[in-house]
Amino acid sequence: MLVVCLTQREENVSTKRNLVAEIEEIRNRTLSPDWDNGITKLFLLYNQTINLQQEDEQQAYFLVATVAAIETYFRFEIRSLVDSGDDQYINNLRLDNQPIKWSHELLLALHGKRVSLGELVGRSVRLNNLDAISETMRQLLQTDFLDLVKSARDPELRRKEGLNASTIIRSAGETLSHVKRTFELHHIICHEAHLTPMVRLEEVKELCHSCYTFVLASHYGIAFHKNPKAPLTLAEAHDAANARVRALEKQIKAVEELIISKIPPFLRNTFDAMQQAWRLYVEREAEFNASTEMNGNRGALYGRLAVESLYGKRLQEINEYARRIDA
């Protein structure tokens, strides 16, 4: 179970937060979860530090931005795991252990799907040091998270070379030590007013690189833990989405036949026309998502993912129709 400990002061502060407003603001500022999930920011920060040549007081603030990007990544990952609907993650979570002040407004936001459960948890958990991140992810994934990170490999190299592929993190002790040091410096830089530089430029470069490597290894490690056989290329992802769509289509047709067999004749034409109109809508939305203007060279994949999402929702709806007919 996911357990989060807060000091009394932190708990009092958390009760004053408007989590729904926070989440909606973040969602509005996020252009694309594929790019705004922290990893790209860490890569850019590391590359910027490479080009720095002279010592400067401002260089320390690269570490502040780095910690912010690390937290962003793990909140994104936690949200994705919880909202996946996979019982192996949902069952590891105890909502009454979360630092969330439940209120009428918050429950209405959940019921009305203004926010998701994953978004609430992702915004609430404590991630202000490596130990907190490790413990949260350990409980959510039910595995030793740091071992998962240490053994993470590039997925394409893992496929080709297996355990002979080199790990993302070459020196685990050094990298994790650097991540801890970055969080410590972040606290000092943000909460103390030193006039002399707190960290040398060479150390800033080392720490930014280690933090990027740590998060990249976390990303690959979590992905492998979730599904060791996950598709790696666009073509594989498209084929996998097609297979899922075909399975959903088969289930939908079975429920349609069941409903038609039980409703009066005068309703059958109405039900059939409704389903035809729905299929036309699905087709048009898929075309829109598949366009180059919307999703570039990933359009074909996103078109199938749109169909998968709409099929899944429709299957729930017509299953409810079938249940009400039998009631």
C-alpha atoms as a PDB file:
ATOM      1  CA  MET A   1       0.000   0.000   0.000  1.00  0.00           C
ATOM      2  CA  LEU A   2       1.125   3.521  -0.739  1.00  0.00           C
ATOM      3  CA  VAL A   3       1.933   5.311   2.505  1.00  0.00           C
ATOM      4  CA  VAL A   4       2.848   8.978   2.627  1.00  0.00           C
ATOM      5  CA  CYS A   5       4.013  10.666   5.841  1.00  0.00           C
ATOM      6  CA  LEU A   6       3.683  14.408   6.391  1.00  0.00           C
ATOM      7  CA  THR A   7       4.752  16.620   9.238  1.00  0.00           C
ATOM      8  CA  GLN A   8       1.914  18.435  11.019  1.00  0.00           C
ATOM      9  CA  ARG A   9       2.945  21.708   9.365  1.00  0.00           C
ATOM     10  CA  GLU A  10       2.920  20.119   5.904  1.00  0.00           C
ATOM     11  CA  GLU A  11      -0.458  18.530   6.620  1.00  0.00           C
ATOM     12  CA  ASN A  12      -1.956  21.855   7.661  1.00  0.00           C
ATOM     13  CA  VAL A  13      -0.638  23.491   4.491  1.00  0.00           C
ATOM     14  CA  SER A  14      -1.989  20.668   2.304  1.00  0.00           C
ATOM     15  CA  THR A  15      -5.520  21.108   3.700  1.00  0.00           C
ATOM     16  CA  LYS A  16      -5.606  24.658   2.346  1.00  0.00           C
ATOM     17  CA  ARG A  17      -4.747  23.647  -1.217  1.00  0.00           C
ATOM     18  CA  ASN A  18      -7.287  23.698  -3.990  1.00  0.00           C
ATOM     19  CA  LEU A  19      -6.110  20.555  -5.755  1.00  0.00           C
ATOM     20  CA  VAL A  20      -8.754  20.717  -8.465  1.00  0.00           C
ATOM     21  CA  ALA A  21      -7.704  24.244  -9.477  1.00  0.00           C
ATOM     22  CA  GLU A  22      -4.008  23.256  -9.363  1.00  0.00           C
ATOM     23  CA  ILE A  23      -4.576  20.250 -11.603  1.00  0.00           C
ATOM     24  CA  GLU A  24      -6.685  22.166 -14.114  1.00  0.00           C
ATOM     25  CA  GLU A  25      -4.095  24.955 -14.311  1.00  0.00           C
ATOM     26  CA  ILE A  26      -1.283  22.443 -14.881  1.00  0.00           C
ATOM     27  CA  ARG A  27      -3.328  20.660 -17.547  1.00  0.00           C
ATOM     28  CA  ASN A  28      -3.939  23.962 -19.339  1.00  0.00           C
ATOM     29  CA  ARG A  29      -0.208  24.758 -19.302  1.00  0.00           C
ATOM     30  CA  THR A  30       0.772  21.327 -20.589  1.00  0.00           C
ATOM     31  CA  LEU A  31       1.036  21.248 -24.367  1.00  0.00           C
ATOM     32  CA  SER A  32       1.764  17.525 -24.662  1.00  0.00           C
ATOM     33  CA  PRO A  33       2.323  14.912 -21.926  1.00  0.00           C
ATOM     34  CA  ASP A  34       4.765  13.174 -24.272  1.00  0.00           C
ATOM     35  CA  TRP A  35       7.056  16.225 -24.124  1.00  0.00           C
ATOM     36  CA  ASP A  36       6.107  18.063 -20.923  1.00  0.00           C
ATOM     37  CA  ASN A  37       6.714  15.100 -18.617  1.00  0.00           C
ATOM     38  CA  GLY A  38      10.062  16.281 -17.221  1.00  0.00           C
ATOM     39  CA  ILE A  39      12.482  14.103 -19.189  1.00  0.00           C
ATOM     40  CA  THR A  40      12.874  16.494 -22.103  1.00  0.00           C
ATOM     41  CA  LYS A  41      13.418  19.387 -19.678  1.00  0.00           C
ATOM     42  CA  LEU A  42      16.177  17.466 -17.884  1.00  0.00           C
ATOM     43  CA  PHE A  43      17.868  16.695 -21.187  1.00  0.00           C
ATOM     44  CA  LEU A  44      17.760  20.372 -22.206  1.00  0.00           C
ATOM     45  CA  LEU A  45      19.075  21.539 -18.812  1.00  0.00           C
ATOM     46  CA  TYR A  46      21.991  19.119 -18.995  1.00  0.00           C
ATOM     47  CA  ASN A  47      22.840  20.223 -22.533  1.00  0.00           C
ATOM     48  CA  GLN A  48      22.726  23.877 -21.504  1.00  0.00           C
ATOM     49  CA  THR A  49      25.165  23.295 -18.661  1.00  0.00           C
ATOM     50  CA  ILE A  50      27.648  21.630 -21.036  1.00  0.00           C
ATOM     51  CA  ASN A  51      28.121  24.968 -22.805  1.00  0.00           C
ATOM     52  CA  LEU A  52      28.664  27.018 -19.634  1.00  0.00           C
ATOM     53  CA  GLN A  53      32.268  28.184 -19.328  1.00  0.00           C
ATOM     54  CA  GLN A  54      32.529  30.713 -16.493  1.00  0.00           C
ATOM     55  CA  GLU A  55      31.635  30.425 -12.823  1.00  0.00           C
ATOM     56  CA  ASP A  56      28.487  32.390 -12.030  1.00  0.00           C
ATOM     57  CA  GLU A  57      26.132  32.606  -9.082  1.00  0.00           C
ATOM     58  CA  GLN A  58      23.190  31.917 -11.399  1.00  0.00           C
ATOM     59  CA  GLN A  59      24.525  28.467 -12.353  1.00  0.00           C
ATOM     60  CA  ALA A  60      23.142  27.039  -9.115  1.00  0.00           C
ATOM     61  CA  TYR A  61      19.608  27.638 -10.341  1.00  0.00           C
ATOM     62  CA  PHE A  62      20.052  24.916 -12.955  1.00  0.00           C
ATOM     63  CA  LEU A  63      19.775  22.556  -9.990  1.00  0.00           C
ATOM     64  CA  VAL A  64      16.515  24.148  -8.846  1.00  0.00           C
ATOM     65  CA  ALA A  65      15.038  23.623 -12.328  1.00  0.00           C
ATOM     66  CA  THR A  66      16.441  20.085 -12.373  1.00  0.00           C
ATOM     67  CA  VAL A  67      14.660  19.107  -9.148  1.00  0.00           C
ATOM     68  CA  ALA A  68      11.429  20.626 -10.466  1.00  0.00           C
ATOM     69  CA  ALA A  69      11.733  18.501 -13.621  1.00  0.00           C
ATOM     70  CA  ILE A  70      12.415  15.338 -11.576  1.00  0.00           C
ATOM     71  CA  GLU A  71       9.281  15.924  -9.507  1.00  0.00           C
ATOM     72  CA  THR A  72       7.289  16.634 -12.676  1.00  0.00           C
ATOM     73  CA  TYR A  73       8.392  13.340 -14.188  1.00  0.00           C
ATOM     74  CA  PHE A  74       7.456  11.226 -11.168  1.00  0.00           C
ATOM     75  CA  ARG A  75       4.089  12.950 -10.738  1.00  0.00           C
ATOM     76  CA  PHE A  76       3.443  12.184 -14.427  1.00  0.00           C
ATOM     77  CA  GLU A  77       4.451   8.535 -13.932  1.00  0.00           C
ATOM     78  CA  ILE A  78       2.360   8.099 -10.773  1.00  0.00           C
ATOM     79  CA  ARG A  79      -0.669   9.614 -12.497  1.00  0.00           C
ATOM     80  CA  SER A  80      -0.220   7.304 -15.487  1.00  0.00           C
ATOM     81  CA  LEU A  81       0.078   4.182 -13.324  1.00  0.00           C
ATOM     82  CA  VAL A  82      -2.941   4.988 -11.151  1.00  0.00           C
ATOM     83  CA  ASP A  83      -5.113   6.034 -14.105  1.00  0.00           C
ATOM     84  CA  SER A  84      -4.150   2.948 -16.123  1.00  0.00           C
ATOM     85  CA  GLY A  85      -6.945   1.078 -14.393  1.00  0.00           C
ATOM     86  CA  ASP A  86      -4.600  -1.866 -13.826  1.00  0.00           C
ATOM     87  CA  ASP A  87      -5.566  -3.561 -10.559  1.00  0.00           C
ATOM     88  CA  GLN A  88      -1.962  -4.379  -9.719  1.00  0.00           C
ATOM     89  CA  TYR A  89      -1.345  -0.645  -9.221  1.00  0.00           C
ATOM     90  CA  ILE A  90      -4.777   0.391  -7.927  1.00  0.00           C
ATOM     91  CA  ASN A  91      -4.686  -2.257  -5.212  1.00  0.00           C
ATOM     92  CA  ASN A  92      -1.344  -0.957  -3.940  1.00  0.00           C
ATOM     93  CA  LEU A  93      -2.965   2.347  -3.103  1.00  0.00           C
ATOM     94  CA  ARG A  94      -4.830   3.351   0.056  1.00  0.00           C
ATOM     95  CA  LEU A  95      -6.618   6.649  -0.417  1.00  0.00           C
ATOM     96  CA  ASP A  96      -7.022   7.125   3.329  1.00  0.00           C
ATOM     97  CA  ASN A  97      -3.224   7.217   3.600  1.00  0.00           C
ATOM     98  CA  GLN A  98      -2.985  10.093   1.113  1.00  0.00           C
ATOM     99  CA  PRO A  99      -2.502  13.687   2.310  1.00  0.00           C
ATOM    100  CA  ILE A 100      -5.727  14.713   0.589  1.00  0.00           C
ATOM    101  CA  LYS A 101      -8.441  16.690   2.383  1.00  0.00           C
ATOM    102  CA  TRP A 102     -11.594  15.152   0.967  1.00  0.00           C
ATOM    103  CA  SER A 103     -14.403  17.615   0.484  1.00  0.00           C
ATOM    104  CA  HIS A 104     -17.768  17.870  -1.244  1.00  0.00           C
ATOM    105  CA  GLU A 105     -16.193  19.893  -4.072  1.00  0.00           C
ATOM    106  CA  LEU A 106     -13.350  17.420  -4.549  1.00  0.00           C
ATOM    107  CA  LEU A 107     -15.676  14.429  -4.690  1.00  0.00           C
ATOM    108  CA  LEU A 108     -17.874  16.225  -7.219  1.00  0.00           C
ATOM    109  CA  ALA A 109     -14.794  16.976  -9.338  1.00  0.00           C
ATOM    110  CA  LEU A 110     -13.899  13.277  -9.306  1.00  0.00           C
ATOM    111  CA  HIS A 111     -17.446  12.207 -10.068  1.00  0.00           C
ATOM    112  CA  GLY A 112     -17.729  14.724 -12.880  1.00  0.00           C
ATOM    113  CA  LYS A 113     -14.309  13.679 -14.222  1.00  0.00           C
ATOM    114  CA  ARG A 114     -12.902  17.195 -13.935  1.00  0.00           C
ATOM    115  CA  VAL A 115      -9.871  15.490 -12.397  1.00  0.00           C
ATOM    116  CA  SER A 116      -8.718  11.883 -12.294  1.00  0.00           C
ATOM    117  CA  LEU A 117      -7.678   9.833  -9.295  1.00  0.00           C
ATOM    118  CA  GLY A 118      -4.173   9.604 -10.717  1.00  0.00           C
ATOM    119  CA  GLU A 119      -3.935  13.377 -11.001  1.00  0.00           C
ATOM    120  CA  LEU A 120      -4.995  13.778  -7.368  1.00  0.00           C
ATOM    121  CA  VAL A 121      -2.475  11.256  -6.094  1.00  0.00           C
ATOM    122  CA  GLY A 122       0.288  12.553  -8.352  1.00  0.00           C
ATOM    123  CA  ARG A 123      -0.178  16.087  -7.020  1.00  0.00           C
ATOM    124  CA  SER A 124      -0.400  14.991  -3.380  1.00  0.00           C
ATOM    125  CA  VAL A 125       2.498  12.615  -2.790  1.00  0.00           C
ATOM    126  CA  ARG A 126       5.723  13.835  -1.222  1.00  0.00           C
ATOM    127  CA  LEU A 127       8.673  13.708  -3.656  1.00  0.00           C
ATOM    128  CA  ASN A 128      11.159  16.146  -2.129  1.00  0.00           C
ATOM    129  CA  ASN A 129      14.122  13.774  -1.857  1.00  0.00           C
ATOM    130  CA  LEU A 130      15.399  10.520  -3.345  1.00  0.00           C
ATOM    131  CA  ASP A 131      14.234   8.402  -0.394  1.00  0.00           C
ATOM    132  CA  ALA A 132      10.663   9.711  -0.697  1.00  0.00           C
ATOM    133  CA  ILE A 133      10.626   9.022  -4.449  1.00  0.00           C
ATOM    134  CA  SER A 134      12.068   5.545  -3.982  1.00  0.00           C
ATOM    135  CA  GLU A 135       9.615   4.573  -1.249  1.00  0.00           C
ATOM    136  CA  THR A 136       6.580   5.903  -3.108  1.00  0.00           C
ATOM    137  CA  MET A 137       7.516   4.072  -6.308  1.00  0.00           C
ATOM    138  CA  ARG A 138       8.444   0.899  -4.398  1.00  0.00           C
ATOM    139  CA  GLN A 139       4.996   0.743  -2.835  1.00  0.00           C
ATOM    140  CA  LEU A 140       3.178   1.607  -6.036  1.00  0.00           C
ATOM    141  CA  LEU A 141       5.106  -0.894  -8.181  1.00  0.00           C
ATOM    142  CA  GLN A 142       5.571  -3.490  -5.410  1.00  0.00           C
ATOM    143  CA  THR A 143       9.232  -3.955  -6.285  1.00  0.00           C
ATOM    144  CA  ASP A 144      12.599  -2.542  -5.212  1.00  0.00           C
ATOM    145  CA  PHE A 145      12.520   0.649  -7.234  1.00  0.00           C
ATOM    146  CA  LEU A 146      16.224   1.459  -7.045  1.00  0.00           C
ATOM    147  CA  ASP A 147      17.104  -2.067  -8.208  1.00  0.00           C
ATOM    148  CA  LEU A 148      14.715  -1.503 -11.129  1.00  0.00           C
ATOM    149  CA  VAL A 149      16.521   1.739 -11.986  1.00  0.00           C
ATOM    150  CA  LYS A 150      20.000   0.248 -11.642  1.00  0.00           C
ATOM    151  CA  SER A 151      19.170  -2.595 -14.047  1.00  0.00           C
ATOM    152  CA  ALA A 152      17.334  -0.438 -16.623  1.00  0.00           C
ATOM    153  CA  ARG A 153      18.516  -0.723 -20.230  1.00  0.00           C
ATOM    154  CA  ASP A 154      17.634   0.950 -23.498  1.00  0.00           C
ATOM    155  CA  PRO A 155      14.623  -1.134 -24.676  1.00  0.00           C
ATOM    156  CA  GLU A 156      15.937  -1.660 -28.212  1.00  0.00           C
ATOM    157  CA  LEU A 157      19.363  -2.750 -26.961  1.00  0.00           C
ATOM    158  CA  ARG A 158      17.695  -5.021 -24.392  1.00  0.00           C
ATOM    159  CA  ARG A 159      15.722  -6.662 -27.184  1.00  0.00           C
ATOM    160  CA  LYS A 160      18.868  -7.240 -29.244  1.00  0.00           C
ATOM    161  CA  GLU A 161      21.372  -8.110 -26.515  1.00  0.00           C
ATOM    162  CA  GLY A 162      19.319  -9.106 -23.480  1.00  0.00           C
ATOM    163  CA  LEU A 163      21.192  -8.776 -20.204  1.00  0.00           C
ATOM    164  CA  ASN A 164      24.397  -8.222 -22.177  1.00  0.00           C
ATOM    165  CA  ALA A 165      23.121  -4.744 -23.052  1.00  0.00           C
ATOM    166  CA  SER A 166      24.746  -2.039 -20.972  1.00  0.00           C
ATOM    167  CA  THR A 167      22.659  -0.426 -18.238  1.00  0.00           C
ATOM    168  CA  ILE A 168      21.632   3.230 -18.537  1.00  0.00           C
ATOM    169  CA  ILE A 169      23.367   3.982 -15.248  1.00  0.00           C
ATOM    170  CA  ARG A 170      27.010   2.955 -15.394  1.00  0.00           C
ATOM    171  CA  SER A 171      27.893   3.731 -11.749  1.00  0.00           C
ATOM    172  CA  ALA A 172      24.804   3.426  -9.548  1.00  0.00           C
ATOM    173  CA  GLY A 173      26.500   4.564  -6.346  1.00  0.00           C
ATOM    174  CA  GLU A 174      27.840   7.742  -7.927  1.00  0.00           C
ATOM    175  CA  THR A 175      24.655   8.589  -9.823  1.00  0.00           C
ATOM    176  CA  LEU A 176      22.323   8.111  -6.844  1.00  0.00           C
ATOM    177  CA  SER A 177      24.712  10.063  -4.623  1.00  0.00           C
ATOM    178  CA  HIS A 178      24.576  12.914  -7.134  1.00  0.00           C
ATOM    179  CA  VAL A 179      20.766  12.851  -7.159  1.00  0.00           C
ATOM    180  CA  LYS A 180      20.695  13.080  -3.351  1.00  0.00           C
ATOM    181  CA  ARG A 181      23.201  15.928  -3.456  1.00  0.00           C
ATOM    182  CA  THR A 182      21.047  17.801  -6.003  1.00  0.00           C
ATOM    183  CA  PHE A 183      18.014  17.670  -3.699  1.00  0.00           C
ATOM    184  CA  GLU A 184      20.132  18.855  -0.752  1.00  0.00           C
ATOM    185  CA  LEU A 185      21.501  21.793  -2.747  1.00  0.00           C
ATOM    186  CA  HIS A 186      18.016  22.614  -4.027  1.00  0.00           C
ATOM    187  CA  HIS A 187      16.852  23.068  -0.433  1.00  0.00           C
ATOM    188  CA  ILE A 188      19.845  25.249   0.449  1.00  0.00           C
ATOM    189  CA  ILE A 189      19.566  27.410  -2.670  1.00  0.00           C
ATOM    190  CA  CYS A 190      15.837  27.964  -2.218  1.00  0.00           C
ATOM    191  CA  HIS A 191      15.817  28.574   1.537  1.00  0.00           C
ATOM    192  CA  GLU A 192      19.156  30.184   2.392  1.00  0.00           C
ATOM    193  CA  ALA A 193      20.581  33.493   1.177  1.00  0.00           C
ATOM    194  CA  HIS A 194      24.268  32.782   0.659  1.00  0.00           C
ATOM    195  CA  LEU A 195      26.232  35.497  -1.118  1.00  0.00           C
ATOM    196  CA  THR A 196      28.988  33.119  -2.233  1.00  0.00           C
ATOM    197  CA  PRO A 197      28.285  30.405  -4.832  1.00  0.00           C
ATOM    198  CA  MET A 198      27.081  27.185  -3.198  1.00  0.00           C
ATOM    199  CA  VAL A 199      28.310  24.888  -5.958  1.00  0.00           C
ATOM    200  CA  ARG A 200      31.071  24.920  -8.561  1.00  0.00           C
ATOM    201  CA  LEU A 201      30.274  24.804 -12.274  1.00  0.00           C
ATOM    202  CA  GLU A 202      31.842  21.381 -12.801  1.00  0.00           C
ATOM    203  CA  GLU A 203      29.667  19.946 -10.060  1.00  0.00           C
ATOM    204  CA  VAL A 204      26.550  21.528 -11.596  1.00  0.00           C
ATOM    205  CA  LYS A 205      27.375  19.763 -14.857  1.00  0.00           C
ATOM    206  CA  GLU A 206      27.916  16.415 -13.110  1.00  0.00           C
ATOM    207  CA  LEU A 207      24.722  16.703 -11.064  1.00  0.00           C
ATOM    208  CA  CYS A 208      22.525  17.699 -14.024  1.00  0.00           C
ATOM    209  CA  HIS A 209      23.882  14.796 -16.062  1.00  0.00           C
ATOM    210  CA  SER A 210      23.303  12.298 -13.230  1.00  0.00           C
ATOM    211  CA  CYS A 211      19.757  13.513 -12.637  1.00  0.00           C
ATOM    212  CA  TYR A 212      18.904  13.170 -16.329  1.00  0.00           C
ATOM    213  CA  THR A 213      20.414   9.664 -16.373  1.00  0.00           C
ATOM    214  CA  PHE A 214      18.494   8.700 -13.222  1.00  0.00           C
ATOM    215  CA  VAL A 215      15.130   9.791 -14.657  1.00  0.00           C
ATOM    216  CA  LEU A 216      15.807   8.193 -18.046  1.00  0.00           C
ATOM    217  CA  ALA A 217      16.681   4.916 -16.284  1.00  0.00           C
ATOM    218  CA  SER A 218      13.525   5.265 -14.176  1.00  0.00           C
ATOM    219  CA  HIS A 219      11.438   5.712 -17.321  1.00  0.00           C
ATOM    220  CA  TYR A 220      12.892   2.654 -19.050  1.00  0.00           C
ATOM    221  CA  GLY A 221      12.801   0.585 -15.861  1.00  0.00           C
ATOM    222  CA  ILE A 222       9.149   1.357 -15.135  1.00  0.00           C
ATOM    223  CA  ALA A 223       8.151   0.704 -18.754  1.00  0.00           C
ATOM    224  CA  PHE A 224       9.886  -2.697 -18.709  1.00  0.00           C
ATOM    225  CA  HIS A 225       8.322  -3.537 -15.341  1.00  0.00           C
ATOM    226  CA  LYS A 226       4.837  -2.703 -16.695  1.00  0.00           C
ATOM    227  CA  ASN A 227       5.211  -4.666 -19.911  1.00  0.00           C
ATOM    228  CA  PRO A 228       8.470  -6.391 -20.919  1.00  0.00           C
ATOM    229  CA  LYS A 229       7.003  -7.035 -24.390  1.00  0.00           C
ATOM    230  CA  ALA A 230       5.729  -3.511 -25.052  1.00  0.00           C
ATOM    231  CA  PRO A 231       5.996  -2.344 -28.691  1.00  0.00           C
ATOM    232  CA  LEU A 232       9.078  -0.226 -29.404  1.00  0.00           C
ATOM    233  CA  THR A 233       8.442   1.164 -32.885  1.00  0.00           C
ATOM    234  CA  LEU A 234       5.550   3.095 -34.416  1.00  0.00           C
ATOM    235  CA  ALA A 235       4.702   0.112 -36.613  1.00  0.00           C
ATOM    236  CA  GLU A 236       4.604  -2.241 -33.614  1.00  0.00           C
ATOM    237  CA  ALA A 237       2.498   0.207 -31.584  1.00  0.00           C
ATOM    238  CA  HIS A 238       0.074   0.577 -34.515  1.00  0.00           C
ATOM    239  CA  ASP A 239      -0.246  -3.206 -34.908  1.00  0.00           C
ATOM    240  CA  ALA A 240      -0.837  -3.620 -31.168  1.00  0.00           C
ATOM    241  CA  ALA A 241      -3.522  -0.905 -31.186  1.00  0.00           C
ATOM    242  CA  ASN A 242      -5.169  -2.586 -34.175  1.00  0.00           C
ATOM    243  CA  ALA A 243      -5.307  -5.887 -32.305  1.00  0.00           C
ATOM    244  CA  ARG A 244      -6.919  -4.209 -29.284  1.00  0.00           C
ATOM    245  CA  VAL A 245      -9.460  -2.458 -31.517  1.00  0.00           C
ATOM    246  CA  ARG A 246     -10.388  -5.752 -33.204  1.00  0.00           C
ATOM    247  CA  ALA A 247     -10.943  -7.359 -29.798  1.00  0.00           C
ATOM    248  CA  LEU A 248     -13.167  -4.483 -28.675  1.00  0.00           C
ATOM    249  CA  GLU A 249     -15.124  -4.558 -31.943  1.00  0.00           C
ATOM    250  CA  LYS A 250     -15.818  -8.243 -31.415  1.00  0.00           C
ATOM    251  CA  GLN A 251     -17.103  -7.583 -27.886  1.00  0.00           C
ATOM    252  CA  ILE A 252     -19.292  -4.684 -29.055  1.00  0.00           C
ATOM    253  CA  LYS A 253     -20.879  -6.791 -31.805  1.00  0.00           C
ATOM    254  CA  ALA A 254     -21.651  -9.557 -29.331  1.00  0.00           C
ATOM    255  CA  VAL A 255     -23.426  -7.131 -26.979  1.00  0.00           C
ATOM    256  CA  GLU A 256     -25.274  -5.529 -29.918  1.00  0.00           C
ATOM    257  CA  GLU A 257     -26.607  -8.943 -30.976  1.00  0.00           C
ATOM    258  CA  LEU A 258     -27.650  -9.644 -27.396  1.00  0.00           C
ATOM    259  CA  ILE A 259     -29.554  -6.350 -27.117  1.00  0.00           C
ATOM    260  CA  ILE A 260     -31.284  -6.768 -30.502  1.00  0.00           C
ATOM    261  CA  SER A 261     -32.426 -10.257 -29.481  1.00  0.00           C
ATOM    262  CA  LYS A 262     -34.129  -8.850 -26.369  1.00  0.00           C
ATOM    263  CA  ILE A 263     -35.683  -5.540 -27.414  1.00  0.00           C
ATOM    264  CA  PRO A 264     -39.071  -5.176 -29.175  1.00  0.00           C
ATOM    265  CA  PRO A 265     -39.000  -5.126 -33.013  1.00  0.00           C
ATOM    266  CA  PHE A 266     -39.953  -1.421 -33.214  1.00  0.00           C
ATOM    267  CA  LEU A 267     -36.802  -0.516 -31.213  1.00  0.00           C
ATOM    268  CA  ARG A 268     -34.398  -2.584 -33.286  1.00  0.00           C
ATOM    269  CA  ASN A 269     -34.230  -0.116 -36.194  1.00  0.00           C
ATOM    270  CA  THR A 270     -33.717   2.734 -33.720  1.00  0.00           C
ATOM    271  CA  PHE A 271     -30.904   0.901 -31.956  1.00  0.00           C
ATOM    272  CA  ASP A 272     -29.289  -0.066 -35.267  1.00  0.00           C
ATOM    273  CA  ALA A 273     -29.450   3.527 -36.562  1.00  0.00           C
ATOM    274  CA  MET A 274     -27.966   4.799 -33.309  1.00  0.00           C
ATOM    275  CA  GLN A 275     -25.034   2.391 -33.566  1.00  0.00           C
ATOM    276  CA  GLN A 276     -24.431   3.281 -37.217  1.00  0.00           C
ATOM    277  CA  ALA A 277     -24.355   6.988 -36.328  1.00  0.00           C
ATOM    278  CA  TRP A 278     -21.936   6.234 -33.493  1.00  0.00           C
ATOM    279  CA  ARG A 279     -19.632   4.294 -35.832  1.00  0.00           C
ATOM    280  CA  LEU A 280     -19.637   7.192 -38.283  1.00  0.00           C
ATOM    281  CA  TYR A 281     -18.644   9.537 -35.442  1.00  0.00           C
ATOM    282  CA  VAL A 282     -15.796   7.206 -34.460  1.00  0.00           C
ATOM    283  CA  GLU A 283     -14.603   7.106 -38.048  1.00  0.00           C
ATOM    284  CA  ARG A 284     -14.558  10.913 -38.304  1.00  0.00           C
ATOM    285  CA  GLU A 285     -12.764  11.410 -34.979  1.00  0.00           C
ATOM    286  CA  ALA A 286     -10.166   8.820 -35.973  1.00  0.00           C
ATOM    287  CA  GLU A 287      -9.604  10.645 -39.279  1.00  0.00           C
ATOM    288  CA  PHE A 288      -9.133  13.913 -37.417  1.00  0.00           C
ATOM    289  CA  ASN A 289      -6.582  12.398 -34.998  1.00  0.00           C
ATOM    290  CA  ALA A 290      -4.799  10.626 -37.839  1.00  0.00           C
ATOM    291  CA  SER A 291      -4.204  13.853 -39.750  1.00  0.00           C
ATOM    292  CA  THR A 292      -0.678  15.164 -40.161  1.00  0.00           C
ATOM    293  CA  GLU A 293      -1.832  18.543 -38.837  1.00  0.00           C
ATOM    294  CA  MET A 294      -2.863  16.991 -35.520  1.00  0.00           C
ATOM    295  CA  ASN A 295      -0.202  14.340 -34.905  1.00  0.00           C
ATOM    296  CA  GLY A 296       2.449  14.449 -37.616  1.00  0.00           C
ATOM    297  CA  ASN A 297       4.019  11.125 -38.499  1.00  0.00           C
ATOM    298  CA  ARG A 298       2.347   9.497 -35.474  1.00  0.00           C
ATOM    299  CA  GLY A 299      -1.087  10.216 -36.950  1.00  0.00           C
ATOM    300  CA  ALA A 300      -1.936   6.649 -37.954  1.00  0.00           C
ATOM    301  CA  LEU A 301      -1.170   5.426 -34.434  1.00  0.00           C
ATOM    302  CA  TYR A 302      -3.160   8.203 -32.756  1.00  0.00           C
ATOM    303  CA  GLY A 303      -6.071   7.502 -35.081  1.00  0.00           C
ATOM    304  CA  ARG A 304      -6.212   3.900 -33.862  1.00  0.00           C
ATOM    305  CA  LEU A 305      -5.787   4.997 -30.239  1.00  0.00           C
ATOM    306  CA  ALA A 306      -8.773   7.316 -30.660  1.00  0.00           C
ATOM    307  CA  VAL A 307     -10.837   4.394 -31.963  1.00  0.00           C
ATOM    308  CA  GLU A 308      -9.694   2.231 -29.057  1.00  0.00           C
ATOM    309  CA  SER A 309     -10.717   4.868 -26.521  1.00  0.00           C
ATOM    310  CA  LEU A 310     -14.139   5.432 -28.075  1.00  0.00           C
ATOM    311  CA  TYR A 311     -14.768   1.691 -28.438  1.00  0.00           C
ATOM    312  CA  GLY A 312     -13.925   1.132 -24.794  1.00  0.00           C
ATOM    313  CA  LYS A 313     -16.370   3.818 -23.651  1.00  0.00           C
ATOM    314  CA  ARG A 314     -19.109   2.571 -25.982  1.00  0.00           C
ATOM    315  CA  LEU A 315     -18.685  -1.002 -24.754  1.00  0.00           C
ATOM    316  CA  GLN A 316     -19.354   0.186 -21.200  1.00  0.00           C
ATOM    317  CA  GLU A 317     -22.445   2.090 -22.360  1.00  0.00           C
ATOM    318  CA  ILE A 318     -24.064  -0.732 -24.302  1.00  0.00           C
ATOM    319  CA  ASN A 319     -23.242  -3.201 -21.528  1.00  0.00           C
ATOM    320  CA  GLU A 320     -25.279  -0.912 -19.288  1.00  0.00           C
ATOM    321  CA  TYR A 321     -28.111  -1.011 -21.855  1.00  0.00           C
ATOM    322  CA  ALA A 322     -27.969  -4.812 -21.795  1.00  0.00           C
ATOM    323  CA  ARG A 323     -28.034  -4.851 -17.981  1.00  0.00           C
ATOM    324  CA  ARG A 324     -31.076  -2.575 -17.854  1.00  0.00           C
ATOM    325  CA  ILE A 325     -32.931  -4.747 -20.385  1.00  0.00           C
ATOM    326  CA  ASP A 326     -32.320  -7.812 -18.203  1.00  0.00           C
ATOM    327  CA  ALA A 327     -33.335  -6.009 -14.997  1.00  0.00           C
END
